[in-house]
Amino acid sequence: MQELKMENIITGLDGSVTEGKGAYSFAVFTKKAEPLYQHHGPVHGDSDQQYSTRSELHGILGLVLYLKHVAVKYSLKGDYPSIRILGDNMESLRVSREGPSFSLKNTFSSDMDMAFELMHQIRNHPLKFEFEHVKSHQDDVMAYDDLSVEAKVNVQCDRCVGEYFSKPMTGCVPHNMKI
């Protein structure tokens, strides 16, 4: 990590739901889509609460918490360029940029806990983020080597989240735990 410069990285995430079980992945890459760090884990909640936006929000939260740990460990502050976070779920990216929509209906949404925790972490983070949408599954219609860097990041995150169901790992920690 010592040779890592925040302005030279790109990050991505993905989420998935299979048979009522959710999983997420996030990763940090070089600007050439070479992985530096990858992680996947479970999405907590009842099986009837599992859907793609919740999984994607878990991925964003995991990535934000990981980058907070890196920022604290290496005394990084907001004077770096915004870190690009790529995802393929437009609603989770909107929530990350704007916060959750407040309405009586949304108060009972199954992912409101994730949305509020994510907003807390982003607002209190030493680094700044730029959330960008990337079309998913571009490797279904084009060879991997011909894809853009952003599409390659998404493909690798998609593969990583798929691995969770065969190789489970531990998930993220809430904001009130010491990092």
Foldseek 3Di string as FASTA:
>chain_A
DVPDDQQQKAKEKFKDADPLWIKMKIFIAGQQLHTPDIDMATQDDGSVQDDGLSRRLLRLQQVLVVVQVVCVVVVNAAPHPAHEYEYADPVNLCLLVPNDDDDPVCVPRSNNVSSVQSVVSQVPGRYHHDYDYDHAPPCVPDPLVPDRSSHVNRVVNVVRRVCCVVPHDHGDDGPPDDD
